[in-house]
N, C-alpha and C. Protein backbone atom coordinates (compact mmCIF):
# COMPACT_ATOMS: atom_id res chain seq x y z
N MET A 1 3.74 -1.24 -2.00
CA MET A 1 3.32 -0.11 -1.23
C MET A 1 1.99 0.34 -1.81
N ARG A 2 1.08 0.69 -0.91
CA ARG A 2 -0.23 1.16 -1.35
C ARG A 2 -0.80 2.15 -0.36
N THR A 3 -1.78 2.90 -0.82
CA THR A 3 -2.49 3.83 0.05
C THR A 3 -3.85 3.23 0.39
N ARG A 4 -4.37 3.64 1.54
CA ARG A 4 -5.70 3.23 2.00
C ARG A 4 -6.45 4.46 2.49
N ASP A 5 -7.70 4.56 2.10
CA ASP A 5 -8.53 5.70 2.54
C ASP A 5 -8.77 5.65 4.04
N ASP A 6 -8.94 6.82 4.60
CA ASP A 6 -9.43 7.00 5.97
C ASP A 6 -10.42 8.15 5.85
N THR A 7 -10.19 9.28 6.51
CA THR A 7 -11.08 10.42 6.31
C THR A 7 -10.79 11.10 4.96
N ALA A 8 -9.58 10.95 4.44
CA ALA A 8 -9.26 11.39 3.08
C ALA A 8 -9.61 10.26 2.13
N VAL A 9 -10.25 10.60 1.02
CA VAL A 9 -10.73 9.60 0.08
C VAL A 9 -10.15 9.88 -1.30
N SER A 10 -9.62 8.85 -1.92
CA SER A 10 -9.11 8.96 -3.28
C SER A 10 -10.29 8.76 -4.24
N PRO A 11 -10.38 9.45 -5.33
CA PRO A 11 -9.48 10.45 -5.90
C PRO A 11 -9.84 11.89 -5.51
N LYS A 12 -10.80 12.06 -4.63
CA LYS A 12 -11.23 13.41 -4.26
C LYS A 12 -10.14 14.19 -3.52
N ASP A 13 -9.43 13.52 -2.60
CA ASP A 13 -8.48 14.22 -1.74
C ASP A 13 -7.01 13.95 -2.08
N TYR A 14 -6.72 12.80 -2.64
CA TYR A 14 -5.34 12.45 -3.01
C TYR A 14 -5.40 11.38 -4.09
N LYS A 15 -4.26 11.15 -4.76
CA LYS A 15 -4.20 10.13 -5.80
C LYS A 15 -3.71 8.83 -5.16
N ALA A 16 -4.53 7.80 -5.22
CA ALA A 16 -4.16 6.50 -4.65
C ALA A 16 -2.96 5.92 -5.39
N ILE A 17 -2.15 5.19 -4.65
CA ILE A 17 -0.96 4.56 -5.22
C ILE A 17 -0.95 3.09 -4.80
N ASP A 18 -0.61 2.25 -5.73
CA ASP A 18 -0.40 0.83 -5.46
C ASP A 18 0.71 0.39 -6.39
N GLN A 19 1.93 0.36 -5.87
CA GLN A 19 3.08 0.06 -6.72
C GLN A 19 4.11 -0.77 -5.97
N GLU A 20 4.88 -1.48 -6.73
CA GLU A 20 5.93 -2.28 -6.15
C GLU A 20 7.17 -1.42 -5.93
N ILE A 21 7.77 -1.56 -4.76
CA ILE A 21 9.04 -0.91 -4.50
C ILE A 21 10.02 -1.99 -4.06
N LYS A 22 11.25 -1.84 -4.46
CA LYS A 22 12.28 -2.82 -4.12
C LYS A 22 13.41 -2.12 -3.38
N PHE A 23 13.84 -2.75 -2.32
CA PHE A 23 14.97 -2.25 -1.55
C PHE A 23 16.21 -3.03 -1.96
N GLU A 24 17.24 -2.31 -2.30
CA GLU A 24 18.52 -2.93 -2.60
C GLU A 24 19.19 -3.33 -1.28
N LYS A 25 20.18 -4.17 -1.37
CA LYS A 25 20.92 -4.60 -0.19
C LYS A 25 21.45 -3.38 0.55
N ARG A 26 21.24 -3.33 1.84
CA ARG A 26 21.65 -2.25 2.75
C ARG A 26 20.86 -0.95 2.56
N GLU A 27 19.90 -0.91 1.67
CA GLU A 27 19.07 0.29 1.51
C GLU A 27 18.02 0.29 2.63
N GLN A 28 17.87 1.41 3.32
CA GLN A 28 16.99 1.46 4.48
C GLN A 28 15.78 2.35 4.31
N GLU A 29 15.74 3.16 3.25
CA GLU A 29 14.59 4.03 3.08
C GLU A 29 14.33 4.30 1.60
N LYS A 30 13.10 4.64 1.30
CA LYS A 30 12.68 5.04 -0.04
C LYS A 30 11.84 6.30 0.10
N LYS A 31 11.97 7.20 -0.84
CA LYS A 31 11.12 8.39 -0.85
C LYS A 31 10.06 8.17 -1.92
N ILE A 32 8.82 8.47 -1.54
CA ILE A 32 7.72 8.34 -2.47
C ILE A 32 6.95 9.66 -2.51
N GLU A 33 6.28 9.91 -3.60
CA GLU A 33 5.44 11.09 -3.72
C GLU A 33 4.01 10.65 -3.97
N ILE A 34 3.10 11.23 -3.20
CA ILE A 34 1.68 10.95 -3.36
C ILE A 34 1.00 12.28 -3.65
N PRO A 35 0.45 12.45 -4.85
CA PRO A 35 -0.19 13.72 -5.20
C PRO A 35 -1.40 14.01 -4.31
N ILE A 36 -1.45 15.21 -3.77
CA ILE A 36 -2.57 15.68 -2.96
C ILE A 36 -3.41 16.59 -3.84
N ILE A 37 -4.72 16.40 -3.83
CA ILE A 37 -5.63 17.20 -4.64
C ILE A 37 -5.94 18.49 -3.88
N ASP A 38 -5.58 19.61 -4.47
CA ASP A 38 -5.81 20.90 -3.83
C ASP A 38 -7.07 21.52 -4.42
N ASP A 39 -7.95 21.97 -3.56
CA ASP A 39 -9.15 22.67 -4.00
C ASP A 39 -9.28 23.95 -3.18
N GLU A 40 -10.24 24.75 -3.51
CA GLU A 40 -10.42 26.03 -2.81
C GLU A 40 -11.41 25.93 -1.66
N GLU A 41 -11.95 24.75 -1.41
CA GLU A 41 -12.93 24.55 -0.34
C GLU A 41 -12.22 24.33 0.99
N TRP A 42 -12.84 24.85 2.07
CA TRP A 42 -12.31 24.56 3.39
C TRP A 42 -12.76 23.15 3.79
N ASN A 43 -11.85 22.38 4.32
CA ASN A 43 -12.12 21.04 4.84
C ASN A 43 -11.37 20.90 6.15
N PRO A 44 -11.83 20.03 7.03
CA PRO A 44 -11.00 19.72 8.19
C PRO A 44 -9.76 18.96 7.70
N ASP A 45 -8.76 18.85 8.55
CA ASP A 45 -7.60 18.04 8.18
C ASP A 45 -8.07 16.62 7.92
N LEU A 46 -7.53 16.01 6.87
CA LEU A 46 -7.95 14.66 6.46
C LEU A 46 -6.76 13.72 6.53
N GLU A 47 -7.04 12.42 6.67
CA GLU A 47 -5.97 11.43 6.83
C GLU A 47 -6.19 10.23 5.91
N PHE A 48 -5.05 9.65 5.49
CA PHE A 48 -5.07 8.37 4.78
C PHE A 48 -3.83 7.59 5.22
N TRP A 49 -3.75 6.35 4.81
CA TRP A 49 -2.66 5.46 5.23
C TRP A 49 -1.79 5.07 4.05
N VAL A 50 -0.51 4.86 4.33
CA VAL A 50 0.43 4.24 3.40
C VAL A 50 0.93 2.99 4.09
N GLU A 51 0.86 1.86 3.38
CA GLU A 51 1.30 0.61 4.00
C GLU A 51 2.10 -0.24 3.04
N LEU A 52 3.00 -1.02 3.61
CA LEU A 52 3.78 -1.99 2.86
C LEU A 52 3.05 -3.33 2.93
N TYR A 53 3.02 -4.04 1.81
CA TYR A 53 2.35 -5.33 1.80
C TYR A 53 3.04 -6.28 0.85
N ASP A 54 2.70 -7.54 0.96
CA ASP A 54 3.26 -8.60 0.14
C ASP A 54 2.22 -9.00 -0.90
N PRO A 55 2.42 -8.62 -2.17
CA PRO A 55 1.41 -8.92 -3.20
C PRO A 55 1.21 -10.41 -3.45
N THR A 56 2.20 -11.25 -3.14
CA THR A 56 2.01 -12.68 -3.35
C THR A 56 1.00 -13.25 -2.37
N LYS A 57 0.92 -12.67 -1.16
CA LYS A 57 -0.08 -13.12 -0.19
C LYS A 57 -1.48 -12.68 -0.59
N THR A 58 -1.59 -11.53 -1.26
CA THR A 58 -2.89 -11.06 -1.73
C THR A 58 -3.47 -12.09 -2.69
N GLU A 59 -2.65 -12.58 -3.60
CA GLU A 59 -3.10 -13.57 -4.58
C GLU A 59 -3.55 -14.86 -3.90
N GLN A 60 -2.98 -15.19 -2.76
CA GLN A 60 -3.32 -16.42 -2.05
C GLN A 60 -4.43 -16.22 -1.04
N GLY A 61 -4.91 -14.98 -0.87
CA GLY A 61 -6.02 -14.71 0.04
C GLY A 61 -5.62 -14.54 1.49
N TYR A 62 -4.34 -14.35 1.78
CA TYR A 62 -3.89 -14.16 3.16
C TYR A 62 -3.87 -12.68 3.51
N ASP A 63 -3.72 -12.39 4.81
CA ASP A 63 -3.50 -11.01 5.26
C ASP A 63 -2.17 -10.58 4.67
N ASP A 64 -2.21 -9.61 3.79
CA ASP A 64 -1.02 -9.30 3.01
C ASP A 64 -0.18 -8.15 3.54
N ARG A 65 -0.67 -7.41 4.55
CA ARG A 65 0.16 -6.31 5.08
C ARG A 65 1.33 -6.91 5.84
N LEU A 66 2.49 -6.37 5.61
CA LEU A 66 3.68 -6.86 6.29
C LEU A 66 3.56 -6.59 7.79
N PRO A 67 4.04 -7.50 8.62
CA PRO A 67 3.94 -7.31 10.07
C PRO A 67 4.88 -6.21 10.56
N GLY A 68 4.53 -5.63 11.68
CA GLY A 68 5.40 -4.62 12.30
C GLY A 68 4.75 -3.26 12.32
N ASP A 69 5.12 -2.48 13.33
CA ASP A 69 4.58 -1.13 13.47
C ASP A 69 5.12 -0.17 12.42
N ASP A 70 6.26 -0.50 11.82
CA ASP A 70 6.88 0.42 10.87
C ASP A 70 6.49 0.13 9.42
N THR A 71 5.44 -0.66 9.21
CA THR A 71 5.00 -0.96 7.84
C THR A 71 3.71 -0.25 7.48
N LYS A 72 3.21 0.61 8.37
CA LYS A 72 2.00 1.37 8.13
C LYS A 72 2.20 2.78 8.68
N CYS A 73 1.80 3.78 7.90
CA CYS A 73 2.02 5.18 8.29
C CYS A 73 0.78 5.99 7.97
N LYS A 74 0.34 6.80 8.95
CA LYS A 74 -0.81 7.69 8.73
C LYS A 74 -0.29 9.01 8.18
N VAL A 75 -0.93 9.50 7.12
CA VAL A 75 -0.58 10.77 6.50
C VAL A 75 -1.73 11.75 6.75
N THR A 76 -1.40 12.95 7.20
CA THR A 76 -2.41 13.97 7.45
C THR A 76 -2.29 15.07 6.40
N ILE A 77 -3.40 15.36 5.74
CA ILE A 77 -3.47 16.46 4.77
C ILE A 77 -3.98 17.68 5.54
N LEU A 78 -3.11 18.66 5.70
CA LEU A 78 -3.50 19.89 6.38
C LEU A 78 -4.19 20.81 5.40
N ASP A 79 -5.34 21.34 5.78
CA ASP A 79 -6.08 22.23 4.89
C ASP A 79 -5.63 23.66 5.12
N GLU A 80 -5.03 24.25 4.09
CA GLU A 80 -4.54 25.62 4.23
C GLU A 80 -5.60 26.65 3.84
N ASP A 81 -6.75 26.20 3.32
CA ASP A 81 -7.83 27.11 2.98
C ASP A 81 -8.53 27.56 4.26
N GLN A 82 -8.82 28.82 4.36
CA GLN A 82 -9.45 29.37 5.55
C GLN A 82 -10.96 29.22 5.46
N PRO A 83 -11.61 28.94 6.60
CA PRO A 83 -13.08 28.88 6.59
C PRO A 83 -13.64 30.29 6.32
N GLY A 84 -14.89 30.34 5.89
CA GLY A 84 -15.52 31.62 5.59
C GLY A 84 -15.66 32.51 6.80
N ILE A 85 -15.84 33.80 6.57
CA ILE A 85 -16.01 34.79 7.64
C ILE A 85 -17.46 35.25 7.65
N ILE A 86 -18.05 35.30 8.83
CA ILE A 86 -19.44 35.77 8.96
C ILE A 86 -19.42 37.15 9.57
């Protein structure tokens, strides 16, 4: 499992993750935590991706992201800081 930048960029907006996860027999989900960097600046909502991939294919130079629509997820960081007042 790894993260990929989009409008959110690591390490400015979140902490990138690239780690192996293993599913046990009959296990259907895993919970992961990705640290979000909080600052006092107003920003528009930002996005990054979390995707599942096969690290053995990376070593061989193949497209390593696992096939299927459920192997990639867009994450939106909502900015709770208010824009300035004029």
